[in-house]
Amino acid sequence: METQNKNDADAYKRLLEKMDSYTNRDCMVAFSGGVDSSVLLKLACDMAGKKETKVHAVTVQSELHPVGDLAISRRVAAEIGAEHHVIEIRELKEAGIEKNPVDRCYLCKKYLFGQVRELAGGLGVEVILEGTNEDDLHVYRPGIRAVRELGLKSPLAEAGMTKEQVRRLAKELSLSVAARPATPCLATRFPYGTDLTMESMKKVEQAEEWLRTQGYGNVRVRVHGDIARLELDKTDFAALLRQREDVVSCLKKLGYGYVTLDLEGFRSGSMDRELQ
């Protein structure tokens, strides 16, 4: 691996050691099609191929994620050459998160990974890998508690690899999703305590997808009642203002009464500020 610095090289070495251990027997990768889980799946498949062990990629088709995520996961799994499984879940009711509680992420992950573990058990697989990275350990991520309770392994975090290090590795592994922006669940667009409905989340999905077709990369449509608060990279502010009439028209057609631009710009987890 060509590394940017010694820290990258050391982290990559630790990751290889972890992955070498985890692929000594059949394993499963909880696979979203994002950069983190794609790196894990690629390394696992490469290593397992030399050991004649098997790697199962499993994607959970969730109510809380854009429909297009599944198509991306199918494509990337095929590019890597992994055996791919899909589980469909209806977690709003089944995980008890319809009111968007502050521990939503924990409840959702506990239910979601419980379904993954059930599939793994049926396949005789004991080791399940998931894509938490080092950066995730330093922000509000209650879902990590569910990962630990269910005994899943987090090789990236165990190796101390940050998101930027993972992206650099993904690029060197020639993964097509190396530059793919993070796509957290749609529930993160709403304040805690807000009723979550399929209709409201679909509107957010449509709004963000349209903005991406206009060339905006990192984009979040945070919803406060009938206010759509747009978070974009600050470098995109000027372009958005030039296009403001089209943006306002599109979002008002989706049912938002007011459209605002957040001057702090894009930031992950902005709805978690008070909790942190």
Foldseek 3Di string as FASTA:
>chain_A
DDDPDVLLVQLVVLLLVVLLVLLLAEEEEAFQLALQSLLSVLSNVVNNVVNVHAYEYEYEAELFFDPVSVVSRVVLCVVSVHHYHYHYDYCCPVLVCQQQAPLVQQSSLLVVVVVVVVVCVVVVHDAYEYGDACVNVVDDRSNVVSCVVVPYHHSRNVSRHDLVSSLVVCVVVVRPNSPADDTDTLSLLEARRHGDDSLVSVLQVVLVVVVVVVPFHDWGFRDDPLETEIAGAPVCVVVCVVVVVVSVVVSVVSPRPYYHYDNVHDDPNPSCVVVD
